[in-house]
Amino acid sequence: MCLANGIRIFALMPTVPLSVVIITFNEEANIGRCLAALDGLSDDVVVVDSGSTDRTVAICREHGARVVVHPFAGYVAQKNFATAQARHNHVLQLDADEVLTEALRAEIQRVTADWQHAGYSLPRLTNYCGHWVRHGGWYPDRKLRLYDRRLGAWQGQLLHERYEVQPGQTLGQLQSDLLHYSYPTIESHVQQLNKFTTIGAEELAARGKRANGLQLWVKPTWKFWHLYLLRGGWLDGFAGLSIAALSAWGVFLKYAKLRVLTRKPAAA
């Protein structure tokens, strides 16, 4: 039961209990908003924190979440660890900068009252510098976040983790948006790009990939025009232009870093 504008609303009683798992590191700006939207949805909200130095852990406990401290082991390993900490087999996995809408809460409650698939994908709507982005390949940005942990696992390398169900299992789709508060400023986008392009370059190097001069020109140029023109990024105005330009810059950074990582040492 929850209160909305002073009116008591009785939620559907789930036939399967649901756990919510979140991984965090210095997320005091986001985690309170994320947890507030979960009120009454689950009796088990577990946050796996990798050593935050801000108020993240305190905020989580203020909202009644169970906090488990675990050193960061990479996104795939950390999310699998977090999933394993859940008390229930049916899990909703969220990032700290994501928020459930009321419509999505209601859909999740209907699913837990009549669970039919190994997992369910959610459409994600991203807020970029105060603008909701609906073009440029950023929407609906479906993510498989609601799943039966006995029937799948998080997969991937250093970056671009994804949840995969076992062969032969079926997937469902929810229709209501998961809100994603990605980058509040251009600076935060640039900082994240620098971090992720380093990880991406290391990932490519580990697979034996190398970068040549042509890639440094062609791949960023294609990225910009693909997002801005072909995927309609221009329809999002300044936000769309910024996303396309910085995404292209990110591609350049990744391959430039790869070139440095794999460059043969000069002969003595």
C-alpha atoms as a PDB file:
ATOM      1  CA  MET A   1       0.000   0.000   0.000  1.00  0.00           C
ATOM      2  CA  CYS A   2       1.299   3.512  -0.811  1.00  0.00           C
ATOM      3  CA  LEU A   3       0.005   7.053  -0.663  1.00  0.00           C
ATOM      4  CA  ALA A   4      -0.422   9.251  -3.742  1.00  0.00           C
ATOM      5  CA  ASN A   5      -1.960  12.705  -3.288  1.00  0.00           C
ATOM      6  CA  GLY A   6      -3.513  11.528  -0.051  1.00  0.00           C
ATOM      7  CA  ILE A   7      -5.301   8.586  -1.690  1.00  0.00           C
ATOM      8  CA  ARG A   8      -4.594   5.042  -0.574  1.00  0.00           C
ATOM      9  CA  ILE A   9      -3.687   2.737  -3.447  1.00  0.00           C
ATOM     10  CA  PHE A  10      -3.578  -1.028  -2.987  1.00  0.00           C
ATOM     11  CA  ALA A  11      -1.000  -2.755  -5.182  1.00  0.00           C
ATOM     12  CA  LEU A  12      -1.403  -6.193  -6.669  1.00  0.00           C
ATOM     13  CA  MET A  13      -0.109  -8.910  -4.366  1.00  0.00           C
ATOM     14  CA  PRO A  14       2.743 -10.643  -6.238  1.00  0.00           C
ATOM     15  CA  THR A  15       2.698 -14.388  -6.688  1.00  0.00           C
ATOM     16  CA  VAL A  16       6.499 -14.278  -6.859  1.00  0.00           C
ATOM     17  CA  PRO A  17       8.530 -12.166  -4.409  1.00  0.00           C
ATOM     18  CA  LEU A  18      10.842  -9.611  -6.018  1.00  0.00           C
ATOM     19  CA  SER A  19      14.292  -8.379  -5.008  1.00  0.00           C
ATOM     20  CA  VAL A  20      15.806  -5.134  -6.280  1.00  0.00           C
ATOM     21  CA  VAL A  21      19.596  -4.957  -6.672  1.00  0.00           C
ATOM     22  CA  ILE A  22      21.708  -1.850  -7.337  1.00  0.00           C
ATOM     23  CA  ILE A  23      25.470  -1.355  -7.544  1.00  0.00           C
ATOM     24  CA  THR A  24      26.896   1.972  -6.389  1.00  0.00           C
ATOM     25  CA  PHE A  25      30.030   4.045  -6.009  1.00  0.00           C
ATOM     26  CA  ASN A  26      29.767   7.683  -4.899  1.00  0.00           C
ATOM     27  CA  GLU A  27      26.164   8.046  -6.049  1.00  0.00           C
ATOM     28  CA  GLU A  28      24.828  10.448  -3.393  1.00  0.00           C
ATOM     29  CA  ALA A  29      23.444  12.719  -6.127  1.00  0.00           C
ATOM     30  CA  ASN A  30      21.287   9.933  -7.582  1.00  0.00           C
ATOM     31  CA  ILE A  31      20.628   7.067  -5.198  1.00  0.00           C
ATOM     32  CA  GLY A  32      17.971   8.753  -3.047  1.00  0.00           C
ATOM     33  CA  ARG A  33      15.771   9.457  -6.075  1.00  0.00           C
ATOM     34  CA  CYS A  34      16.203   5.868  -7.263  1.00  0.00           C
ATOM     35  CA  LEU A  35      15.300   4.334  -3.888  1.00  0.00           C
ATOM     36  CA  ALA A  36      12.349   6.650  -3.247  1.00  0.00           C
ATOM     37  CA  ALA A  37      10.654   5.338  -6.402  1.00  0.00           C
ATOM     38  CA  LEU A  38      10.942   1.773  -5.069  1.00  0.00           C
ATOM     39  CA  ASP A  39       8.956   2.396  -1.885  1.00  0.00           C
ATOM     40  CA  GLY A  40       6.537  -0.471  -1.329  1.00  0.00           C
ATOM     41  CA  LEU A  41       7.558  -2.407  -4.449  1.00  0.00           C
ATOM     42  CA  SER A  42       9.833  -4.961  -2.768  1.00  0.00           C
ATOM     43  CA  ASP A  43      10.666  -6.256   0.698  1.00  0.00           C
ATOM     44  CA  ASP A  44      14.297  -6.772  -0.369  1.00  0.00           C
ATOM     45  CA  VAL A  45      16.301  -3.870  -1.780  1.00  0.00           C
ATOM     46  CA  VAL A  46      20.012  -4.632  -1.731  1.00  0.00           C
ATOM     47  CA  VAL A  47      22.744  -2.152  -2.636  1.00  0.00           C
ATOM     48  CA  VAL A  48      26.243  -3.445  -3.371  1.00  0.00           C
ATOM     49  CA  ASP A  49      28.623  -0.554  -2.774  1.00  0.00           C
ATOM     50  CA  SER A  50      32.254  -0.613  -3.855  1.00  0.00           C
ATOM     51  CA  GLY A  51      33.662   1.730  -1.220  1.00  0.00           C
ATOM     52  CA  SER A  52      31.871   5.063  -1.621  1.00  0.00           C
ATOM     53  CA  THR A  53      33.486   8.016   0.133  1.00  0.00           C
ATOM     54  CA  ASP A  54      30.403  10.248   0.017  1.00  0.00           C
ATOM     55  CA  ARG A  55      26.960   9.783   1.654  1.00  0.00           C
ATOM     56  CA  THR A  56      25.819   6.987  -0.665  1.00  0.00           C
ATOM     57  CA  VAL A  57      25.765   4.274   2.012  1.00  0.00           C
ATOM     58  CA  ALA A  58      24.089   6.515   4.587  1.00  0.00           C
ATOM     59  CA  ILE A  59      21.352   7.487   2.124  1.00  0.00           C
ATOM     60  CA  CYS A  60      20.748   3.840   1.243  1.00  0.00           C
ATOM     61  CA  ARG A  61      20.293   2.929   4.895  1.00  0.00           C
ATOM     62  CA  GLU A  62      18.003   5.907   5.439  1.00  0.00           C
ATOM     63  CA  HIS A  63      15.748   4.417   2.748  1.00  0.00           C
ATOM     64  CA  GLY A  64      15.828   0.981   4.377  1.00  0.00           C
ATOM     65  CA  ALA A  65      18.052  -0.709   1.794  1.00  0.00           C
ATOM     66  CA  ARG A  66      20.338  -3.547   2.782  1.00  0.00           C
ATOM     67  CA  VAL A  67      23.936  -2.530   2.022  1.00  0.00           C
ATOM     68  CA  VAL A  68      26.684  -4.990   1.113  1.00  0.00           C
ATOM     69  CA  VAL A  69      30.200  -3.589   0.691  1.00  0.00           C
ATOM     70  CA  HIS A  70      32.199  -5.363  -2.002  1.00  0.00           C
ATOM     71  CA  PRO A  71      35.317  -4.183  -3.898  1.00  0.00           C
ATOM     72  CA  PHE A  72      34.578  -3.346  -7.514  1.00  0.00           C
ATOM     73  CA  ALA A  73      35.325  -6.400  -9.657  1.00  0.00           C
ATOM     74  CA  GLY A  74      34.269  -5.049 -13.063  1.00  0.00           C
ATOM     75  CA  TYR A  75      30.703  -4.380 -14.163  1.00  0.00           C
ATOM     76  CA  VAL A  76      29.878  -7.971 -15.106  1.00  0.00           C
ATOM     77  CA  ALA A  77      31.295  -9.572 -11.967  1.00  0.00           C
ATOM     78  CA  GLN A  78      29.866  -6.854  -9.717  1.00  0.00           C
ATOM     79  CA  LYS A  79      26.349  -7.239 -11.108  1.00  0.00           C
ATOM     80  CA  ASN A  80      26.504 -11.019 -10.863  1.00  0.00           C
ATOM     81  CA  PHE A  81      27.672 -10.661  -7.253  1.00  0.00           C
ATOM     82  CA  ALA A  82      24.844  -8.229  -6.534  1.00  0.00           C
ATOM     83  CA  THR A  83      22.288 -10.583  -8.091  1.00  0.00           C
ATOM     84  CA  ALA A  84      23.584 -13.390  -5.872  1.00  0.00           C
ATOM     85  CA  GLN A  85      22.951 -11.253  -2.757  1.00  0.00           C
ATOM     86  CA  ALA A  86      19.214 -11.043  -3.474  1.00  0.00           C
ATOM     87  CA  ARG A  87      16.928 -12.973  -1.129  1.00  0.00           C
ATOM     88  CA  HIS A  88      14.523 -13.825  -3.965  1.00  0.00           C
ATOM     89  CA  ASN A  89      15.123 -15.461  -7.343  1.00  0.00           C
ATOM     90  CA  HIS A  90      13.153 -12.861  -9.281  1.00  0.00           C
ATOM     91  CA  VAL A  91      15.253  -9.727  -9.564  1.00  0.00           C
ATOM     92  CA  LEU A  92      14.912  -6.164 -10.786  1.00  0.00           C
ATOM     93  CA  GLN A  93      18.383  -4.723 -11.435  1.00  0.00           C
ATOM     94  CA  LEU A  94      18.755  -0.948 -11.538  1.00  0.00           C
ATOM     95  CA  ASP A  95      21.576   1.552 -11.821  1.00  0.00           C
ATOM     96  CA  ALA A  96      21.708   4.335  -9.252  1.00  0.00           C
ATOM     97  CA  ASP A  97      20.827   6.986 -11.857  1.00  0.00           C
ATOM     98  CA  GLU A  98      17.635   5.200 -12.952  1.00  0.00           C
ATOM     99  CA  VAL A  99      14.112   5.798 -11.647  1.00  0.00           C
ATOM    100  CA  LEU A 100      10.885   3.839 -12.026  1.00  0.00           C
ATOM    101  CA  THR A 101       7.849   5.711 -13.293  1.00  0.00           C
ATOM    102  CA  GLU A 102       4.467   4.967 -11.699  1.00  0.00           C
ATOM    103  CA  ALA A 103       3.393   3.288 -14.940  1.00  0.00           C
ATOM    104  CA  LEU A 104       6.451   1.026 -14.882  1.00  0.00           C
ATOM    105  CA  ARG A 105       5.875   0.148 -11.220  1.00  0.00           C
ATOM    106  CA  ALA A 106       2.353  -0.953 -12.102  1.00  0.00           C
ATOM    107  CA  GLU A 107       3.618  -3.055 -15.024  1.00  0.00           C
ATOM    108  CA  ILE A 108       6.214  -4.758 -12.837  1.00  0.00           C
ATOM    109  CA  GLN A 109       3.536  -5.565 -10.272  1.00  0.00           C
ATOM    110  CA  ARG A 110       1.384  -7.135 -12.990  1.00  0.00           C
ATOM    111  CA  VAL A 111       4.350  -9.219 -14.172  1.00  0.00           C
ATOM    112  CA  THR A 112       5.167 -10.492 -10.685  1.00  0.00           C
ATOM    113  CA  ALA A 113       1.504 -11.451 -10.297  1.00  0.00           C
ATOM    114  CA  ASP A 114       1.705 -13.553 -13.488  1.00  0.00           C
ATOM    115  CA  TRP A 115       5.364 -14.303 -14.268  1.00  0.00           C
ATOM    116  CA  GLN A 116       5.718 -15.990 -17.680  1.00  0.00           C
ATOM    117  CA  HIS A 117       9.268 -15.498 -19.034  1.00  0.00           C
ATOM    118  CA  ALA A 118      12.921 -15.859 -18.054  1.00  0.00           C
ATOM    119  CA  GLY A 119      13.310 -12.104 -18.256  1.00  0.00           C
ATOM    120  CA  TYR A 120      11.727  -8.845 -19.365  1.00  0.00           C
ATOM    121  CA  SER A 121      13.248  -5.851 -21.135  1.00  0.00           C
ATOM    122  CA  LEU A 122      12.407  -2.261 -20.212  1.00  0.00           C
ATOM    123  CA  PRO A 123      12.472   0.802 -22.506  1.00  0.00           C
ATOM    124  CA  ARG A 124      14.845   3.408 -21.077  1.00  0.00           C
ATOM    125  CA  LEU A 125      14.282   7.145 -21.582  1.00  0.00           C
ATOM    126  CA  THR A 126      17.415   9.219 -20.949  1.00  0.00           C
ATOM    127  CA  ASN A 127      17.670  12.726 -19.563  1.00  0.00           C
ATOM    128  CA  TYR A 128      20.727  14.520 -20.965  1.00  0.00           C
ATOM    129  CA  CYS A 129      21.544  17.932 -19.459  1.00  0.00           C
ATOM    130  CA  GLY A 130      17.857  18.416 -18.627  1.00  0.00           C
ATOM    131  CA  HIS A 131      16.507  17.238 -22.012  1.00  0.00           C
ATOM    132  CA  TRP A 132      14.648  13.956 -22.555  1.00  0.00           C
ATOM    133  CA  VAL A 133      16.340  12.339 -25.555  1.00  0.00           C
ATOM    134  CA  ARG A 134      14.065  10.444 -27.960  1.00  0.00           C
ATOM    135  CA  HIS A 135      16.251  10.261 -31.080  1.00  0.00           C
ATOM    136  CA  GLY A 136      19.820   9.578 -32.174  1.00  0.00           C
ATOM    137  CA  GLY A 137      19.601   5.917 -31.212  1.00  0.00           C
ATOM    138  CA  TRP A 138      19.100   6.698 -27.525  1.00  0.00           C
ATOM    139  CA  TYR A 139      15.468   5.657 -27.308  1.00  0.00           C
ATOM    140  CA  PRO A 140      13.883   3.256 -26.529  1.00  0.00           C
ATOM    141  CA  ASP A 141      17.296   1.792 -25.486  1.00  0.00           C
ATOM    142  CA  ARG A 142      15.795  -1.455 -24.203  1.00  0.00           C
ATOM    143  CA  LYS A 143      17.573  -3.146 -21.279  1.00  0.00           C
ATOM    144  CA  LEU A 144      16.904  -6.610 -19.861  1.00  0.00           C
ATOM    145  CA  ARG A 145      16.607  -5.729 -16.184  1.00  0.00           C
ATOM    146  CA  LEU A 146      13.805  -7.881 -14.767  1.00  0.00           C
ATOM    147  CA  TYR A 147      14.744 -11.554 -14.639  1.00  0.00           C
ATOM    148  CA  ASP A 148      14.699 -14.930 -12.949  1.00  0.00           C
ATOM    149  CA  ARG A 149      18.310 -15.292 -11.837  1.00  0.00           C
ATOM    150  CA  ARG A 150      18.158 -19.087 -12.113  1.00  0.00           C
ATOM    151  CA  LEU A 151      17.753 -18.784 -15.889  1.00  0.00           C
ATOM    152  CA  GLY A 152      20.541 -16.410 -16.900  1.00  0.00           C
ATOM    153  CA  ALA A 153      23.552 -14.319 -15.901  1.00  0.00           C
ATOM    154  CA  TRP A 154      25.373 -11.070 -16.628  1.00  0.00           C
ATOM    155  CA  GLN A 155      27.816 -11.440 -19.513  1.00  0.00           C
ATOM    156  CA  GLY A 156      30.361  -9.269 -21.308  1.00  0.00           C
ATOM    157  CA  GLN A 157      33.942  -8.134 -20.987  1.00  0.00           C
ATOM    158  CA  LEU A 158      35.276  -5.037 -19.236  1.00  0.00           C
ATOM    159  CA  LEU A 159      32.483  -2.826 -20.548  1.00  0.00           C
ATOM    160  CA  HIS A 160      29.068  -3.136 -22.214  1.00  0.00           C
ATOM    161  CA  GLU A 161      27.728  -5.695 -19.768  1.00  0.00           C
ATOM    162  CA  ARG A 162      24.394  -7.316 -20.608  1.00  0.00           C
ATOM    163  CA  TYR A 163      22.088  -9.852 -19.024  1.00  0.00           C
ATOM    164  CA  GLU A 164      21.612 -13.018 -21.083  1.00  0.00           C
ATOM    165  CA  VAL A 165      19.119 -15.793 -20.481  1.00  0.00           C
ATOM    166  CA  GLN A 166      19.871 -19.432 -21.140  1.00  0.00           C
ATOM    167  CA  PRO A 167      19.233 -20.892 -24.625  1.00  0.00           C
ATOM    168  CA  GLY A 168      15.640 -21.857 -25.198  1.00  0.00           C
ATOM    169  CA  GLN A 169      14.228 -19.375 -22.674  1.00  0.00           C
ATOM    170  CA  THR A 170      11.683 -16.752 -23.647  1.00  0.00           C
ATOM    171  CA  LEU A 171      11.718 -12.993 -23.072  1.00  0.00           C
ATOM    172  CA  GLY A 172       8.938 -10.488 -22.534  1.00  0.00           C
ATOM    173  CA  GLN A 173       8.809  -6.736 -23.076  1.00  0.00           C
ATOM    174  CA  LEU A 174       7.463  -4.052 -20.771  1.00  0.00           C
ATOM    175  CA  GLN A 175       6.146  -0.872 -22.372  1.00  0.00           C
ATOM    176  CA  SER A 176       6.501   1.820 -19.686  1.00  0.00           C
ATOM    177  CA  ASP A 177       9.670   3.903 -19.494  1.00  0.00           C
ATOM    178  CA  LEU A 178      12.531   3.524 -17.052  1.00  0.00           C
ATOM    179  CA  LEU A 179      13.899   7.047 -16.517  1.00  0.00           C
ATOM    180  CA  HIS A 180      17.668   7.391 -16.855  1.00  0.00           C
ATOM    181  CA  TYR A 181      19.305  10.555 -15.504  1.00  0.00           C
ATOM    182  CA  SER A 182      22.567  10.152 -17.371  1.00  0.00           C
ATOM    183  CA  TYR A 183      24.635  13.323 -17.633  1.00  0.00           C
ATOM    184  CA  PRO A 184      23.587  16.491 -15.790  1.00  0.00           C
ATOM    185  CA  THR A 185      26.376  18.487 -17.480  1.00  0.00           C
ATOM    186  CA  ILE A 186      28.600  18.322 -20.553  1.00  0.00           C
ATOM    187  CA  GLU A 187      31.560  18.022 -18.186  1.00  0.00           C
ATOM    188  CA  SER A 188      30.152  14.852 -16.622  1.00  0.00           C
ATOM    189  CA  HIS A 189      29.750  13.340 -20.100  1.00  0.00           C
ATOM    190  CA  VAL A 190      33.370  14.170 -20.960  1.00  0.00           C
ATOM    191  CA  GLN A 191      34.618  12.652 -17.696  1.00  0.00           C
ATOM    192  CA  GLN A 192      32.670   9.446 -18.274  1.00  0.00           C
ATOM    193  CA  LEU A 193      33.906   9.245 -21.863  1.00  0.00           C
ATOM    194  CA  ASN A 194      37.499   9.432 -20.691  1.00  0.00           C
ATOM    195  CA  LYS A 195      36.902   6.583 -18.246  1.00  0.00           C
ATOM    196  CA  PHE A 196      34.948   4.361 -20.613  1.00  0.00           C
ATOM    197  CA  THR A 197      37.239   4.880 -23.613  1.00  0.00           C
ATOM    198  CA  THR A 198      40.175   3.694 -21.524  1.00  0.00           C
ATOM    199  CA  ILE A 199      38.246   0.550 -20.610  1.00  0.00           C
ATOM    200  CA  GLY A 200      37.118   0.117 -24.232  1.00  0.00           C
ATOM    201  CA  ALA A 201      40.669   0.409 -25.545  1.00  0.00           C
ATOM    202  CA  GLU A 202      41.882  -2.157 -23.012  1.00  0.00           C
ATOM    203  CA  GLU A 203      39.063  -4.468 -24.051  1.00  0.00           C
ATOM    204  CA  LEU A 204      40.016  -4.209 -27.738  1.00  0.00           C
ATOM    205  CA  ALA A 205      43.701  -4.724 -26.946  1.00  0.00           C
ATOM    206  CA  ALA A 206      42.876  -7.865 -24.958  1.00  0.00           C
ATOM    207  CA  ARG A 207      41.105  -9.212 -28.071  1.00  0.00           C
ATOM    208  CA  GLY A 208      44.220  -8.586 -30.166  1.00  0.00           C
ATOM    209  CA  LYS A 209      42.810  -5.557 -32.019  1.00  0.00           C
ATOM    210  CA  ARG A 210      44.980  -2.711 -33.297  1.00  0.00           C
ATOM    211  CA  ALA A 211      44.215   0.796 -34.570  1.00  0.00           C
ATOM    212  CA  ASN A 212      45.427   2.390 -37.778  1.00  0.00           C
ATOM    213  CA  GLY A 213      45.345   5.970 -38.997  1.00  0.00           C
ATOM    214  CA  LEU A 214      42.335   5.402 -41.238  1.00  0.00           C
ATOM    215  CA  GLN A 215      40.216   4.198 -38.327  1.00  0.00           C
ATOM    216  CA  LEU A 216      41.050   7.352 -36.391  1.00  0.00           C
ATOM    217  CA  TRP A 217      39.378   9.382 -39.159  1.00  0.00           C
ATOM    218  CA  VAL A 218      36.649   7.154 -40.545  1.00  0.00           C
ATOM    219  CA  LYS A 219      35.112   5.665 -37.400  1.00  0.00           C
ATOM    220  CA  PRO A 220      34.531   8.976 -35.537  1.00  0.00           C
ATOM    221  CA  THR A 221      33.181  10.652 -38.679  1.00  0.00           C
ATOM    222  CA  TRP A 222      30.765   7.803 -39.326  1.00  0.00           C
ATOM    223  CA  LYS A 223      29.666   7.825 -35.677  1.00  0.00           C
ATOM    224  CA  PHE A 224      28.718  11.499 -35.810  1.00  0.00           C
ATOM    225  CA  TRP A 225      26.726  11.360 -39.026  1.00  0.00           C
ATOM    226  CA  HIS A 226      25.100   8.053 -38.102  1.00  0.00           C
ATOM    227  CA  LEU A 227      23.755   9.462 -34.808  1.00  0.00           C
ATOM    228  CA  TYR A 228      23.044  13.007 -35.943  1.00  0.00           C
ATOM    229  CA  LEU A 229      21.516  12.459 -39.385  1.00  0.00           C
ATOM    230  CA  LEU A 230      20.607   8.801 -39.930  1.00  0.00           C
ATOM    231  CA  ARG A 231      19.241   8.260 -36.411  1.00  0.00           C
ATOM    232  CA  GLY A 232      17.639  11.713 -36.183  1.00  0.00           C
ATOM    233  CA  GLY A 233      19.779  13.200 -33.425  1.00  0.00           C
ATOM    234  CA  TRP A 234      19.190  16.657 -34.896  1.00  0.00           C
ATOM    235  CA  LEU A 235      15.586  16.421 -33.702  1.00  0.00           C
ATOM    236  CA  ASP A 236      16.837  16.711 -30.108  1.00  0.00           C
ATOM    237  CA  GLY A 237      18.411  20.102 -30.784  1.00  0.00           C
ATOM    238  CA  PHE A 238      21.482  21.030 -28.750  1.00  0.00           C
ATOM    239  CA  ALA A 239      21.340  17.787 -26.769  1.00  0.00           C
ATOM    240  CA  GLY A 240      21.351  15.746 -29.974  1.00  0.00           C
ATOM    241  CA  LEU A 241      24.276  17.707 -31.391  1.00  0.00           C
ATOM    242  CA  SER A 242      26.261  17.351 -28.161  1.00  0.00           C
ATOM    243  CA  ILE A 243      25.610  13.614 -27.956  1.00  0.00           C
ATOM    244  CA  ALA A 244      26.648  13.017 -31.575  1.00  0.00           C
ATOM    245  CA  ALA A 245      29.766  15.184 -31.329  1.00  0.00           C
ATOM    246  CA  LEU A 246      30.948  13.747 -28.016  1.00  0.00           C
ATOM    247  CA  SER A 247      30.133  10.194 -29.088  1.00  0.00           C
ATOM    248  CA  ALA A 248      32.321  10.715 -32.152  1.00  0.00           C
ATOM    249  CA  TRP A 249      35.052  12.150 -29.945  1.00  0.00           C
ATOM    250  CA  GLY A 250      34.720   9.084 -27.724  1.00  0.00           C
ATOM    251  CA  VAL A 251      35.301   6.791 -30.699  1.00  0.00           C
ATOM    252  CA  PHE A 252      38.433   8.754 -31.577  1.00  0.00           C
ATOM    253  CA  LEU A 253      39.684   8.544 -27.989  1.00  0.00           C
ATOM    254  CA  LYS A 254      39.110   4.809 -27.792  1.00  0.00           C
ATOM    255  CA  TYR A 255      41.078   4.065 -30.954  1.00  0.00           C
ATOM    256  CA  ALA A 256      43.781   6.617 -30.122  1.00  0.00           C
ATOM    257  CA  LYS A 257      44.254   4.949 -26.736  1.00  0.00           C
ATOM    258  CA  LEU A 258      44.248   1.533 -28.417  1.00  0.00           C
ATOM    259  CA  ARG A 259      46.979   2.697 -30.782  1.00  0.00           C
ATOM    260  CA  VAL A 260      49.122   3.824 -27.852  1.00  0.00           C
ATOM    261  CA  LEU A 261      48.468   0.585 -25.944  1.00  0.00           C
ATOM    262  CA  THR A 262      49.480  -1.634 -28.857  1.00  0.00           C
ATOM    263  CA  ARG A 263      52.274   0.458 -30.319  1.00  0.00           C
ATOM    264  CA  LYS A 264      55.503  -1.433 -30.732  1.00  0.00           C
ATOM    265  CA  PRO A 265      58.382   0.027 -28.736  1.00  0.00           C
ATOM    266  CA  ALA A 266      60.888   1.946 -30.828  1.00  0.00           C
ATOM    267  CA  ALA A 267      64.084   0.087 -31.598  1.00  0.00           C
ATOM    268  CA  ALA A 268      67.067   1.127 -29.492  1.00  0.00           C
END
